[in-house]
Amino acid sequence: MCPMPWTLYRYILKDIVKLLLISTLSLVTVISFAVAIKPLSEGLLDLGGLFKFVGATAPTMLVYALPFSAAFAVTLTFCRLAGDNEITACSASGMSYLSILLPVIGLGAALMVFLFVMSNWVLPTFTRAAMELVQKDVMRVLVHQLRERKPVVLADYKIYANQAEEVPPPRIENSDVQPDQLILLRGVAIGRLDPRTQKTRSDHTAEEADILVFRDAGRTWVQFRLKNALYHDETTGNPFLDSTALGAEAAEMLPNIELPSRFRDKPKAMSFAELGALLDDPQGHPRIISEKQNLIEAIAEEDLLDRLEEGLTRSAQSYGSAEVLGVRLIGAHEHQHYVVSCAAVAPREAEAVVIPASPEKPALIDLYEGGRLLRRYEARGAVRFEPVAMEPGGEPRLSPLLRNVSIVDPRRPDRTTERSEIKLTRLWWPQPIAGPLIGQSTTELIGVAGQRFPASIPVGRAAVTLQTQIERLHNRVISEVHERAGTAVGCMLAAVLGAVLSIYLRGRLPLVVYLWTFLIVLGGTLVLQTGARLATDDNRSLTLGIAVLWMSVAGVAGAIAYLYVRLSRN
C-alpha cells in the first residue's frame, strides 16, 4: 500500500486556502455593500452607519459566498495542476483520482462543518446586529417624513406634526433603561386607529410632544409625552382638555408602543437552539401572540353577544309585568350600571344583537349611579348592540346604537329630550369573559372556537388564521434547518465539483472551467432556494419543498459522480 503523499496534499491545500481567503473576502465585501444599497437609498443609513452595517452583514454573506469562492479556488488550483501535467504525473505514479481528490474532499468536509456551525450558532447574532442598525435609523426616516408634513403610522397610531427634530436624549432618574433617542414635535396630532377597520377611534392634539425611543434586549419601544393636550374619543364624542403646563413632568403619557422587530419573527436570524425552542412551543412567537389575541377577542365578543341575547330573551318574557328582569351591564364610570329590557329580540346577526323596538313597545335602558336611577333611555326604533374593539388584555365592551330616543330624567319626568339617534359606549358584562381565555394555549383556544362557536364567522376566521400561522411557522422553521444543512453540504460539493471538472476539462482555459462549475453550483443554489420557498408556501406541501431542496444537492452530487466515472474509465 502506497503511503499518503502528505507533501503533495500540503502543496495543494496551501494554494487552495490562499485563493479561498482572497476570493471569499472579495466576494463577501462586494455582496455586503450591494445589500447596503437599499437601506442607504431609503435614508436608513448614514455614512458611519453604512460601514457598521457592512461590518455586521459581511459574516452573514458567508452562506452565499463560500460555495462559489470554494469552487473558484479549487478550480484555479486544479486547472494549474492539470495544465502543468502534475495530475498526469500523479496518475502515472500509481495514484488514483480519488487519492488526488482527497485533500479537496477533506477541505470540503471542513468547510461544510464550518458553514453549518456558523449558520446555526454564529451568523444569527450578526444578522440581528445588522437589522438592529437599520431599525435604529428608522426613527430618522420618521423625522424626515414628519418634516415634510407627511403622516407616520406607528403600530396603531397615526402621527402628524408641523415640526420635528431629533435631539440628544435626557437621562431619566431611577430608570434601568435609558432612552436611546429623543424626537421633539410641535403642532402634534396623534390618532389611534382601530386595528380591524383602520378608522380613527380617538385622537390627541397637543402644542408639543416628546417621543422617547427605548431599546433593550432586542426590543424597541417608544413613549409619547404630550403637553397641553386635547383628547377626543370618537366613540363618545366628548373632548377632554389636559391643562398641564409646558415642560411639566406630569405631561399626559400615552401607552408605550412596541415597534415590530425586523428579526424577532424571522427564523433566519435565530440560532439552532432558538429554532428548536420555537418548534416545541410556537406560542412565544410575536405573530402567534398577535393571532392568539385576535382569537381571544373574537371568542370573547361572540360570547358577550350570546350572553346578551340570552339575557334579553329572558327579559322579553317578563316585559310589561310589574317586575321586569332586565340585563345588567356595567357602565364606564365607577358605581354606574345599565339595565336593559325589551319586548323582543330579533334573530341574531353575525356581529350584532338587535332589539326591534316600536312606539308601543320601546326598548328601555336605565342608567343607575350608586344604586339611584339617573337617566332612562326609551328607544322607539331599533337598538343595535355591537362589540367595540378590545384593549389588549382587557374585556369586551358593547356600544349600543339607539334610534328615536326619549331621554327621561326621573327627577324631572315632565321634561324629556328627544334624539333621533344616540350611541352609548363602554358597556361591560358584569363577569369577566376574556380573562379566563388568556391563560389557555392556542390548541385549547382553537378547540373552544370549534366546539362553542362553530357557526360564528369571525371566530372561525380567527381560528383558521391562528392555525395557519402555526403551521406556516412550523414549515418555516423546518425549511430553515434543512436549508442551512443543504447549503453546508452544497459548499463541500462545490469544492469537489471544481476539482473533478478541472481534471475532466484539462487543457481548457481556467475561466471556461470555472464558468461550467459556476453554472452548476448556481443552478443547485437556485433549486435549493426554490425548495425552501415551496416548503413555506401555503399552497404547497412541506414534503415537496424539502424534497426539491435536497434534489438540488443530489443533482450536484450526481454531476460529480458522472464526471468521476468518466475520468475513471480514462
Protein backbone atom coordinates (compact mmCIF):
# COMPACT_ATOMS: atom_id res chain seq x y z
CA MET A 1 0.00 0.00 0.00
CA CYS A 2 1.45 3.34 -1.03
CA PRO A 3 2.00 5.92 1.73
CA MET A 4 -0.15 9.04 1.70
CA PRO A 5 1.53 11.87 -0.27
CA TRP A 6 1.29 14.44 2.51
CA THR A 7 3.73 16.78 0.81
CA LEU A 8 1.52 16.91 -2.26
CA TYR A 9 -1.56 17.41 -0.13
CA ARG A 10 0.00 20.31 1.77
CA TYR A 11 1.08 21.83 -1.53
CA ILE A 12 -2.43 21.60 -2.96
CA LEU A 13 -4.15 22.82 0.19
CA LYS A 14 -1.79 25.77 0.54
CA ASP A 15 -2.73 27.11 -2.87
CA ILE A 16 -6.44 26.42 -2.39
CA VAL A 17 -6.63 28.09 1.04
CA LYS A 18 -4.77 31.17 -0.19
CA LEU A 19 -7.13 31.64 -3.12
CA LEU A 20 -10.11 30.75 -0.94
CA LEU A 21 -9.35 33.53 1.56
CA ILE A 22 -8.79 36.15 -1.13
CA SER A 23 -11.89 35.25 -3.15
CA THR A 24 -14.11 34.92 -0.07
CA LEU A 25 -13.03 38.29 1.30
CA SER A 26 -13.60 39.98 -2.05
CA LEU A 27 -16.96 38.36 -2.68
CA VAL A 28 -18.26 38.99 0.84
CA THR A 29 -17.28 42.67 0.66
CA VAL A 30 -18.99 43.16 -2.70
CA ILE A 31 -22.19 41.41 -1.60
CA SER A 32 -22.28 43.30 1.72
CA PHE A 33 -22.08 46.68 0.00
CA ALA A 34 -24.71 45.54 -2.50
CA VAL A 35 -27.07 44.61 0.35
CA ALA A 36 -26.49 48.04 1.94
CA ILE A 37 -27.65 49.90 -1.19
CA LYS A 38 -31.38 49.56 -0.41
CA PRO A 39 -31.33 50.87 3.20
CA LEU A 40 -28.81 53.53 2.11
CA SER A 41 -31.04 54.76 -0.71
CA GLU A 42 -34.05 54.84 1.65
CA GLY A 43 -32.16 57.06 4.07
CA LEU A 44 -31.96 54.42 6.77
CA LEU A 45 -28.15 54.59 6.94
CA ASP A 46 -25.69 57.46 7.11
CA LEU A 47 -22.01 57.13 6.16
CA GLY A 48 -20.98 55.84 9.60
CA GLY A 49 -23.96 53.52 9.73
CA LEU A 50 -23.08 52.20 6.27
CA PHE A 51 -19.71 50.85 7.41
CA LYS A 52 -21.23 49.45 10.61
CA PHE A 53 -23.92 47.76 8.55
CA VAL A 54 -21.39 46.29 6.12
CA GLY A 55 -19.29 45.05 9.04
CA ALA A 56 -22.31 43.38 10.60
CA THR A 57 -23.64 41.84 7.36
CA ALA A 58 -20.28 40.66 6.00
CA PRO A 59 -20.16 37.47 8.14
CA THR A 60 -23.74 36.60 7.16
CA MET A 61 -22.76 36.72 3.49
CA LEU A 62 -20.51 33.69 4.02
CA VAL A 63 -23.52 31.47 3.46
CA TYR A 64 -23.85 32.77 -0.09
CA ALA A 65 -20.20 33.48 -0.91
CA LEU A 66 -18.37 30.45 0.46
CA PRO A 67 -19.67 27.80 -2.00
CA PHE A 68 -18.74 29.96 -5.01
CA SER A 69 -15.38 31.07 -3.61
CA ALA A 70 -14.53 27.47 -2.69
CA ALA A 71 -15.38 26.33 -6.23
CA PHE A 72 -13.31 29.22 -7.65
CA ALA A 73 -10.24 28.48 -5.52
CA VAL A 74 -10.29 24.75 -6.21
CA THR A 75 -10.92 25.25 -9.92
CA LEU A 76 -7.96 27.61 -10.37
CA THR A 77 -5.65 25.38 -8.34
CA PHE A 78 -6.53 22.17 -10.18
CA CYS A 79 -6.53 23.87 -13.57
CA ARG A 80 -2.93 24.91 -12.90
CA LEU A 81 -2.05 21.39 -11.71
CA ALA A 82 -3.66 19.88 -14.83
CA GLY A 83 -2.03 22.46 -17.10
CA ASP A 84 1.42 21.66 -15.66
CA ASN A 85 0.75 17.92 -16.17
CA GLU A 86 1.06 17.35 -12.41
CA ILE A 87 -2.23 15.47 -12.37
CA THR A 88 -0.94 13.24 -15.19
CA ALA A 89 2.32 12.65 -13.30
CA CYS A 90 0.46 11.70 -10.12
CA SER A 91 -1.76 9.34 -12.09
CA ALA A 92 1.26 7.77 -13.80
CA SER A 93 2.91 7.17 -10.43
CA GLY A 94 0.00 4.98 -9.39
CA MET A 95 -2.23 7.46 -7.57
CA SER A 96 -5.91 7.12 -8.25
CA TYR A 97 -8.08 10.11 -8.92
CA LEU A 98 -9.72 9.53 -5.56
CA SER A 99 -6.34 9.86 -3.83
CA ILE A 100 -5.65 13.07 -5.73
CA LEU A 101 -9.05 14.46 -4.71
CA LEU A 102 -8.68 13.55 -1.00
CA PRO A 103 -7.33 16.97 0.12
CA VAL A 104 -10.26 18.69 -1.61
CA ILE A 105 -12.74 16.28 -0.07
CA GLY A 106 -11.18 16.89 3.36
CA LEU A 107 -11.22 20.66 2.89
CA GLY A 108 -14.80 20.48 1.61
CA ALA A 109 -15.86 18.50 4.68
CA ALA A 110 -14.18 21.07 6.93
CA LEU A 111 -15.97 23.90 5.09
CA MET A 112 -19.25 22.01 5.41
CA VAL A 113 -18.90 21.69 9.19
CA PHE A 114 -17.68 25.29 9.48
CA LEU A 115 -20.60 26.67 7.47
CA PHE A 116 -23.16 24.57 9.34
CA VAL A 117 -21.84 25.69 12.74
CA MET A 118 -21.60 29.33 11.61
CA SER A 119 -25.10 29.44 10.13
CA ASN A 120 -26.68 27.85 13.22
CA TRP A 121 -24.78 29.38 16.13
CA VAL A 122 -22.77 32.44 15.00
CA LEU A 123 -24.29 34.17 12.00
CA PRO A 124 -27.75 34.78 13.57
CA THR A 125 -26.05 37.15 16.03
CA PHE A 126 -24.59 39.19 13.18
CA THR A 127 -27.94 39.16 11.35
CA ARG A 128 -29.61 40.67 14.39
CA ALA A 129 -26.89 43.28 14.77
CA ALA A 130 -27.31 44.36 11.14
CA MET A 131 -31.08 44.57 11.38
CA GLU A 132 -30.88 46.49 14.65
CA LEU A 133 -28.70 49.07 12.93
CA VAL A 134 -31.36 49.54 10.26
CA GLN A 135 -34.16 49.66 12.81
CA LYS A 136 -32.27 52.21 14.89
CA ASP A 137 -32.26 54.59 11.94
CA VAL A 138 -35.95 54.05 11.19
CA MET A 139 -36.71 56.96 13.52
CA ARG A 140 -34.63 59.21 11.27
CA VAL A 141 -36.95 58.36 8.42
CA LEU A 142 -39.87 59.15 10.72
CA VAL A 143 -38.41 62.59 11.45
CA HIS A 144 -37.79 63.18 7.74
CA GLN A 145 -41.40 62.30 6.84
CA LEU A 146 -42.83 64.48 9.60
CA ARG A 147 -40.72 67.41 8.45
CA GLU A 148 -42.29 67.03 5.02
CA ARG A 149 -45.75 67.17 6.64
CA LYS A 150 -46.43 63.51 5.90
CA PRO A 151 -48.31 61.35 8.43
CA VAL A 152 -46.43 58.45 10.01
CA VAL A 153 -48.02 55.25 11.30
CA LEU A 154 -46.50 53.54 14.35
CA ALA A 155 -48.36 50.39 15.38
CA ASP A 156 -51.98 51.55 15.92
CA TYR A 157 -51.17 55.27 15.96
CA LYS A 158 -51.05 57.79 13.10
CA ILE A 159 -48.85 60.81 13.84
CA TYR A 160 -48.75 64.26 12.24
CA ALA A 161 -46.62 67.24 13.26
CA ASN A 162 -45.82 70.71 11.95
CA GLN A 163 -42.19 70.47 13.11
CA ALA A 164 -39.92 67.58 14.09
CA GLU A 165 -36.29 67.38 15.17
CA GLU A 166 -34.01 64.84 16.83
CA VAL A 167 -32.06 65.98 19.90
CA PRO A 168 -29.84 64.21 22.45
CA PRO A 169 -31.99 62.15 24.83
CA PRO A 170 -32.23 63.09 28.51
CA ARG A 171 -31.25 60.85 31.39
CA ILE A 172 -34.17 59.52 33.41
CA GLU A 173 -33.55 59.12 37.10
CA ASN A 174 -34.32 55.78 38.78
CA SER A 175 -34.78 54.01 35.45
CA ASP A 176 -32.98 50.82 34.47
CA VAL A 177 -33.44 51.53 30.75
CA GLN A 178 -32.38 54.92 29.42
CA PRO A 179 -33.81 56.44 26.22
CA ASP A 180 -31.72 55.96 23.10
CA GLN A 181 -33.29 58.74 21.04
CA LEU A 182 -35.48 61.80 21.63
CA ILE A 183 -37.66 63.41 18.96
CA LEU A 184 -39.32 66.77 19.65
CA LEU A 185 -42.59 67.52 17.86
CA ARG A 186 -44.59 70.75 17.63
CA GLY A 187 -48.15 71.13 16.42
CA VAL A 188 -48.93 67.48 17.03
CA ALA A 189 -51.94 65.33 16.14
CA ILE A 190 -51.96 61.67 17.11
CA GLY A 191 -54.83 59.41 16.12
CA ARG A 192 -55.40 55.93 17.46
CA LEU A 193 -56.61 53.51 14.78
CA ASP A 194 -58.98 50.62 15.10
CA PRO A 195 -56.79 47.56 14.29
CA ARG A 196 -59.61 45.98 12.30
CA THR A 197 -61.13 48.85 10.34
CA GLN A 198 -58.11 51.20 10.44
CA LYS A 199 -60.51 54.04 11.25
CA THR A 200 -59.64 56.62 13.89
CA ARG A 201 -61.03 55.65 17.29
CA SER A 202 -59.63 58.58 19.28
CA ASP A 203 -57.17 61.39 18.76
CA HIS A 204 -54.89 63.69 20.71
CA THR A 205 -53.77 67.14 19.67
CA ALA A 206 -51.01 68.94 21.55
CA GLU A 207 -48.82 72.01 21.31
CA GLU A 208 -45.71 69.90 21.84
CA ALA A 209 -44.81 66.26 22.25
CA ASP A 210 -41.71 64.23 23.08
CA ILE A 211 -41.07 60.82 21.56
CA LEU A 212 -38.63 58.82 23.66
CA VAL A 213 -37.19 55.74 21.96
CA PHE A 214 -36.02 52.89 24.21
CA ARG A 215 -34.07 49.78 23.21
CA ASP A 216 -33.33 46.81 25.42
CA ALA A 217 -32.79 43.08 24.88
CA GLY A 218 -33.71 43.22 21.19
CA ARG A 219 -36.93 45.18 21.86
CA THR A 220 -37.65 48.72 20.69
CA TRP A 221 -40.49 50.80 22.07
CA VAL A 222 -41.48 54.45 22.06
CA GLN A 223 -43.11 56.61 24.71
CA PHE A 224 -45.17 59.73 23.98
CA ARG A 225 -45.32 62.71 26.35
CA LEU A 226 -47.94 65.27 25.32
CA LYS A 227 -48.05 68.85 26.59
CA ASN A 228 -51.26 70.89 26.66
CA ALA A 229 -53.15 68.04 25.04
CA LEU A 230 -56.76 67.90 23.85
CA TYR A 231 -58.24 64.43 23.74
CA HIS A 232 -61.23 63.37 21.65
CA ASP A 233 -62.83 59.93 21.69
CA GLU A 234 -64.79 59.08 18.56
CA THR A 235 -66.85 56.54 20.48
CA THR A 236 -68.11 59.10 22.99
CA GLY A 237 -67.74 62.36 21.13
CA ASN A 238 -66.57 64.03 24.33
CA PRO A 239 -63.42 66.20 24.35
CA PHE A 240 -61.27 66.49 27.45
CA LEU A 241 -58.68 69.22 27.92
CA ASP A 242 -55.43 68.49 29.70
CA SER A 243 -54.21 71.83 31.04
CA THR A 244 -50.79 70.52 32.01
CA ALA A 245 -48.21 73.29 31.71
CA LEU A 246 -45.50 73.15 29.09
CA GLY A 247 -42.42 71.35 30.31
CA ALA A 248 -44.18 69.84 33.32
CA GLU A 249 -43.20 66.34 34.31
CA ALA A 250 -46.86 65.40 34.62
CA ALA A 251 -47.50 65.83 30.89
CA GLU A 252 -50.01 63.33 29.54
CA MET A 253 -48.44 59.95 28.74
CA LEU A 254 -49.73 57.61 26.08
CA PRO A 255 -49.25 53.85 26.42
CA ASN A 256 -45.86 52.57 25.30
CA ILE A 257 -45.78 51.45 21.66
CA GLU A 258 -43.56 48.49 20.89
CA LEU A 259 -42.18 48.67 17.38
CA PRO A 260 -42.28 45.42 15.41
CA SER A 261 -38.83 43.91 15.15
CA ARG A 262 -37.47 43.01 11.75
CA PHE A 263 -35.65 39.96 13.08
CA ARG A 264 -37.55 38.62 16.09
CA ASP A 265 -40.01 36.74 13.92
CA LYS A 266 -37.56 35.60 11.23
CA PRO A 267 -36.10 32.10 11.53
CA LYS A 268 -33.05 33.23 9.52
CA ALA A 269 -31.99 35.36 12.50
CA MET A 270 -32.44 32.53 15.02
CA SER A 271 -29.88 30.08 16.30
CA PHE A 272 -30.37 26.32 16.16
CA ALA A 273 -31.43 26.25 19.82
CA GLU A 274 -33.94 29.05 19.26
CA LEU A 275 -35.40 27.28 16.26
CA GLY A 276 -35.80 24.11 18.31
CA ALA A 277 -37.50 26.02 21.14
CA LEU A 278 -39.80 27.73 18.65
CA LEU A 279 -40.69 24.40 17.11
CA ASP A 280 -41.55 22.95 20.53
CA ASP A 281 -43.54 25.99 21.68
CA PRO A 282 -44.59 28.44 18.94
CA GLN A 283 -46.79 30.45 21.34
CA GLY A 284 -43.93 32.82 22.17
CA HIS A 285 -43.56 33.97 18.57
CA PRO A 286 -44.79 37.59 18.08
CA ARG A 287 -47.06 36.69 15.16
CA ILE A 288 -48.63 33.79 17.06
CA ILE A 289 -49.14 36.03 20.10
CA SER A 290 -50.91 38.56 17.91
CA GLU A 291 -53.15 35.99 16.21
CA LYS A 292 -53.90 34.33 19.54
CA GLN A 293 -55.03 37.68 20.92
CA ASN A 294 -57.26 38.15 17.85
CA LEU A 295 -58.87 34.77 18.51
CA ILE A 296 -59.37 35.61 22.19
CA GLU A 297 -61.07 38.86 21.17
CA ALA A 298 -63.29 37.10 18.64
CA ILE A 299 -64.34 34.41 21.15
CA ALA A 300 -64.90 36.97 23.91
CA GLU A 301 -67.01 39.24 21.70
CA GLU A 302 -69.07 36.30 20.41
CA ASP A 303 -69.56 35.04 23.98
CA LEU A 304 -70.60 38.53 25.05
CA LEU A 305 -73.22 38.75 22.30
CA ASP A 306 -74.51 35.25 23.17
CA ARG A 307 -74.89 36.19 26.83
CA LEU A 308 -76.61 39.44 25.91
CA GLU A 309 -79.02 37.69 23.54
CA GLU A 310 -79.83 35.06 26.16
CA GLY A 311 -80.41 37.72 28.83
CA LEU A 312 -82.59 39.88 26.57
CA THR A 313 -84.65 36.84 25.58
CA ARG A 314 -85.39 36.17 29.27
CA SER A 315 -86.14 39.88 29.75
CA ALA A 316 -88.66 39.82 26.90
CA GLN A 317 -90.67 37.14 28.71
CA SER A 318 -91.25 39.49 31.66
CA TYR A 319 -91.68 42.68 29.63
CA GLY A 320 -94.77 44.64 30.68
CA SER A 321 -95.09 42.85 34.03
CA ALA A 322 -94.73 44.50 37.40
CA GLU A 323 -91.20 43.15 37.82
CA VAL A 324 -89.15 43.29 34.64
CA LEU A 325 -85.99 41.15 34.58
CA GLY A 326 -83.57 43.36 32.67
CA VAL A 327 -79.99 42.66 31.62
CA ARG A 328 -77.42 44.35 33.84
CA LEU A 329 -74.35 45.91 32.17
CA ILE A 330 -71.50 47.77 33.85
CA GLY A 331 -71.01 51.43 32.88
CA ALA A 332 -67.84 53.29 32.01
CA HIS A 333 -67.58 55.12 35.33
CA GLU A 334 -67.32 53.72 38.82
CA HIS A 335 -70.62 52.94 40.57
CA GLN A 336 -72.53 53.12 37.25
CA HIS A 337 -74.50 50.35 35.63
CA TYR A 338 -77.22 49.95 32.99
CA VAL A 339 -80.30 47.77 32.97
CA VAL A 340 -81.64 46.84 29.51
CA SER A 341 -85.14 45.45 28.94
CA CYS A 342 -87.14 44.85 25.80
CA ALA A 343 -90.23 43.14 24.42
CA ALA A 344 -88.48 41.05 21.76
CA VAL A 345 -85.10 40.19 20.27
CA ALA A 346 -84.52 39.94 16.52
CA PRO A 347 -82.81 36.88 15.03
CA ARG A 348 -79.11 37.05 15.75
CA GLU A 349 -76.90 38.81 13.20
CA ALA A 350 -73.26 37.93 12.56
CA GLU A 351 -71.73 40.62 14.77
CA ALA A 352 -74.64 42.31 16.49
CA VAL A 353 -77.72 41.80 18.66
CA VAL A 354 -80.74 43.85 17.55
CA ILE A 355 -83.83 44.82 19.55
CA PRO A 356 -86.80 45.55 17.21
CA ALA A 357 -88.37 48.27 19.38
CA SER A 358 -91.53 50.23 18.50
CA PRO A 359 -93.50 53.18 19.94
CA GLU A 360 -95.91 50.71 21.57
CA LYS A 361 -93.12 48.53 22.97
CA PRO A 362 -89.98 50.64 23.33
CA ALA A 363 -86.66 49.27 24.47
CA LEU A 364 -85.69 50.61 27.89
CA ILE A 365 -82.14 51.31 29.03
CA ASP A 366 -81.90 52.63 32.59
CA LEU A 367 -78.69 54.23 33.86
CA TYR A 368 -78.03 53.84 37.58
CA GLU A 369 -75.34 55.50 39.66
CA GLY A 370 -74.75 54.48 43.24
CA GLY A 371 -77.98 52.48 43.18
CA ARG A 372 -80.08 55.52 42.14
CA LEU A 373 -81.81 55.82 38.77
CA LEU A 374 -80.03 58.62 36.98
CA ARG A 375 -81.45 58.50 33.45
CA ARG A 376 -83.74 56.43 31.26
CA TYR A 377 -83.41 55.94 27.51
CA GLU A 378 -86.64 54.91 25.75
CA ALA A 379 -85.86 53.79 22.20
CA ARG A 380 -88.84 53.51 19.86
CA GLY A 381 -86.62 52.46 16.96
CA ALA A 382 -84.29 49.50 16.59
CA VAL A 383 -81.46 49.22 19.11
CA ARG A 384 -78.29 47.65 17.77
CA PHE A 385 -75.66 46.25 20.15
CA GLU A 386 -72.23 45.85 18.57
CA PRO A 387 -68.94 44.94 20.25
CA VAL A 388 -66.20 47.58 20.34
CA ALA A 389 -62.55 46.69 19.66
CA MET A 390 -60.98 45.36 22.84
CA GLU A 391 -57.97 46.83 24.56
CA PRO A 392 -55.04 44.37 24.83
CA GLY A 393 -55.58 42.30 27.94
CA GLY A 394 -58.98 43.91 28.54
CA GLU A 395 -62.57 42.76 28.41
CA PRO A 396 -65.03 43.11 25.51
CA ARG A 397 -67.42 46.03 25.64
CA LEU A 398 -70.64 46.95 23.90
CA SER A 399 -71.69 50.08 22.07
CA PRO A 400 -75.48 50.18 21.57
CA LEU A 401 -76.90 52.47 18.90
CA LEU A 402 -80.39 53.74 19.80
CA ARG A 403 -82.84 55.35 17.36
CA ASN A 404 -85.83 57.61 18.05
CA VAL A 405 -84.84 58.04 21.66
CA SER A 406 -86.52 59.87 24.54
CA ILE A 407 -84.13 60.69 27.37
CA VAL A 408 -86.02 60.94 30.66
CA ASP A 409 -84.65 62.44 33.86
CA PRO A 410 -86.52 60.80 36.79
CA ARG A 411 -86.09 63.98 38.80
CA ARG A 412 -87.99 65.91 36.09
CA PRO A 413 -90.26 63.33 34.44
CA ASP A 414 -92.27 66.09 32.78
CA ARG A 415 -89.28 67.14 30.73
CA THR A 416 -87.75 64.81 28.14
CA THR A 417 -85.07 65.18 25.48
CA GLU A 418 -85.76 63.74 22.08
CA ARG A 419 -82.90 62.44 19.93
CA SER A 420 -83.14 60.75 16.56
CA GLU A 421 -80.04 58.74 17.32
CA ILE A 422 -77.68 58.26 20.24
CA LYS A 423 -74.75 55.93 20.81
CA LEU A 424 -73.74 54.67 24.24
CA THR A 425 -70.24 53.35 24.83
CA ARG A 426 -68.21 51.25 27.22
CA LEU A 427 -70.86 48.90 28.49
CA TRP A 428 -69.29 45.82 30.07
CA TRP A 429 -70.59 42.43 31.12
CA PRO A 430 -70.53 42.07 34.93
CA GLN A 431 -68.41 38.89 34.87
CA PRO A 432 -65.01 38.52 33.13
CA ILE A 433 -65.19 36.90 29.71
CA ALA A 434 -61.77 37.31 28.13
CA GLY A 435 -59.78 36.84 31.35
CA PRO A 436 -60.25 33.04 31.59
CA LEU A 437 -59.24 32.68 27.93
CA ILE A 438 -55.86 34.39 28.25
CA GLY A 439 -54.25 31.51 30.13
CA GLN A 440 -55.33 28.88 27.61
CA SER A 441 -52.99 27.50 24.97
CA THR A 442 -53.51 28.01 21.26
CA THR A 443 -54.68 24.40 20.90
CA GLU A 444 -57.26 24.87 23.65
CA LEU A 445 -58.50 28.13 22.15
CA ILE A 446 -58.90 26.57 18.71
CA GLY A 447 -60.84 23.75 20.36
CA VAL A 448 -63.10 26.23 22.18
CA ALA A 449 -63.74 28.07 18.93
CA GLY A 450 -64.78 24.88 17.14
CA GLN A 451 -66.91 23.46 19.95
CA ARG A 452 -68.71 26.52 21.25
CA PHE A 453 -68.92 28.76 18.18
CA PRO A 454 -68.92 26.52 15.10
CA ALA A 455 -71.28 28.85 13.18
CA SER A 456 -69.53 32.12 14.02
CA ILE A 457 -67.76 33.61 11.00
CA PRO A 458 -65.42 35.96 12.96
CA VAL A 459 -64.42 33.22 15.41
CA GLY A 460 -63.93 30.68 12.64
CA ARG A 461 -61.85 33.13 10.61
CA ALA A 462 -59.65 33.95 13.61
CA ALA A 463 -59.20 30.26 14.49
CA VAL A 464 -58.25 29.34 10.92
CA THR A 465 -55.80 32.24 10.74
CA LEU A 466 -54.14 31.19 14.01
CA GLN A 467 -53.88 27.55 12.90
CA THR A 468 -52.49 28.66 9.54
CA GLN A 469 -49.87 30.85 11.18
CA ILE A 470 -48.77 28.00 13.48
CA GLU A 471 -48.44 25.63 10.53
CA ARG A 472 -46.65 28.28 8.48
CA LEU A 473 -44.21 28.95 11.32
CA HIS A 474 -43.57 25.22 11.71
CA ASN A 475 -42.84 24.92 7.99
CA ARG A 476 -40.55 27.97 8.05
CA VAL A 477 -38.51 26.52 10.91
CA ILE A 478 -38.19 23.08 9.30
CA SER A 479 -37.34 24.69 5.98
CA GLU A 480 -34.68 26.90 7.56
CA VAL A 481 -32.98 23.94 9.25
CA HIS A 482 -32.92 21.94 6.02
CA GLU A 483 -31.79 24.96 4.01
CA ARG A 484 -28.81 25.52 6.32
CA ALA A 485 -27.87 21.84 6.16
CA GLY A 486 -28.31 21.72 2.38
CA THR A 487 -26.20 24.86 1.90
CA ALA A 488 -23.40 23.41 4.03
CA VAL A 489 -23.39 20.13 2.09
CA GLY A 490 -23.57 22.08 -1.16
CA CYS A 491 -20.44 24.01 -0.18
CA MET A 492 -18.47 20.77 0.10
CA LEU A 493 -19.85 19.50 -3.21
CA ALA A 494 -18.98 22.80 -4.93
CA ALA A 495 -15.33 22.37 -3.96
CA VAL A 496 -15.22 18.74 -5.14
CA LEU A 497 -17.03 19.65 -8.36
CA GLY A 498 -14.41 22.30 -9.15
CA ALA A 499 -11.62 19.76 -8.78
CA VAL A 500 -13.29 17.00 -10.81
CA LEU A 501 -14.36 19.36 -13.57
CA SER A 502 -10.85 20.85 -13.78
CA ILE A 503 -9.37 17.38 -14.33
CA TYR A 504 -12.10 16.40 -16.78
CA LEU A 505 -11.70 19.60 -18.84
CA ARG A 506 -7.93 19.82 -18.62
CA GLY A 507 -6.49 21.79 -21.44
CA ARG A 508 -9.36 24.30 -21.32
CA LEU A 509 -8.97 27.86 -20.03
CA PRO A 510 -9.48 28.13 -16.25
CA LEU A 511 -12.28 30.69 -16.71
CA VAL A 512 -14.11 28.29 -19.03
CA VAL A 513 -13.83 25.53 -16.46
CA TYR A 514 -15.00 27.85 -13.68
CA LEU A 515 -17.89 29.02 -15.82
CA TRP A 516 -19.22 25.47 -16.00
CA THR A 517 -18.59 24.97 -12.29
CA PHE A 518 -20.31 28.26 -11.52
CA LEU A 519 -23.36 27.41 -13.63
CA ILE A 520 -23.80 24.01 -11.99
CA VAL A 521 -23.38 25.43 -8.47
CA LEU A 522 -25.66 28.36 -9.28
CA GLY A 523 -28.32 26.01 -10.63
CA GLY A 524 -28.10 23.90 -7.49
CA THR A 525 -28.38 27.02 -5.32
CA LEU A 526 -31.44 28.28 -7.20
CA VAL A 527 -33.17 24.92 -6.93
CA LEU A 528 -32.31 24.80 -3.21
CA GLN A 529 -33.84 28.25 -2.67
CA THR A 530 -36.88 27.23 -4.70
CA GLY A 531 -37.35 24.19 -2.48
CA ALA A 532 -37.07 26.36 0.63
CA ARG A 533 -39.76 28.70 -0.72
CA LEU A 534 -42.01 25.78 -1.69
CA ALA A 535 -41.69 24.41 1.84
CA THR A 536 -43.12 27.66 3.24
CA ASP A 537 -45.77 28.12 0.56
CA ASP A 538 -49.31 27.68 1.89
CA ASN A 539 -50.39 26.13 -1.41
CA ARG A 540 -47.61 23.53 -1.42
CA SER A 541 -46.69 20.74 0.96
CA LEU A 542 -43.69 20.85 3.26
CA THR A 543 -42.58 17.43 1.99
CA LEU A 544 -42.50 18.63 -1.60
CA GLY A 545 -40.39 21.66 -0.69
CA ILE A 546 -37.89 19.63 1.32
CA ALA A 547 -37.68 17.05 -1.48
CA VAL A 548 -36.92 19.75 -4.08
CA LEU A 549 -34.36 21.30 -1.71
CA TRP A 550 -32.39 18.08 -1.37
CA MET A 551 -32.81 17.29 -5.05
CA SER A 552 -30.54 20.27 -5.72
CA VAL A 553 -27.85 18.71 -3.54
CA ALA A 554 -28.40 15.34 -5.16
CA GLY A 555 -28.14 16.94 -8.59
CA VAL A 556 -24.69 18.41 -7.89
CA ALA A 557 -23.59 15.11 -6.33
CA GLY A 558 -24.87 13.29 -9.40
CA ALA A 559 -22.86 15.59 -11.69
CA ILE A 560 -19.71 14.84 -9.66
CA ALA A 561 -20.38 11.10 -9.81
CA TYR A 562 -20.93 11.19 -13.58
CA LEU A 563 -17.70 13.14 -14.20
CA TYR A 564 -15.69 10.87 -11.87
CA VAL A 565 -16.93 7.74 -13.65
CA ARG A 566 -15.90 9.24 -16.99
CA LEU A 567 -12.48 10.08 -15.56
CA SER A 568 -12.01 6.60 -14.11
CA ARG A 569 -12.63 4.99 -17.48
CA ASN A 570 -9.82 7.06 -18.95
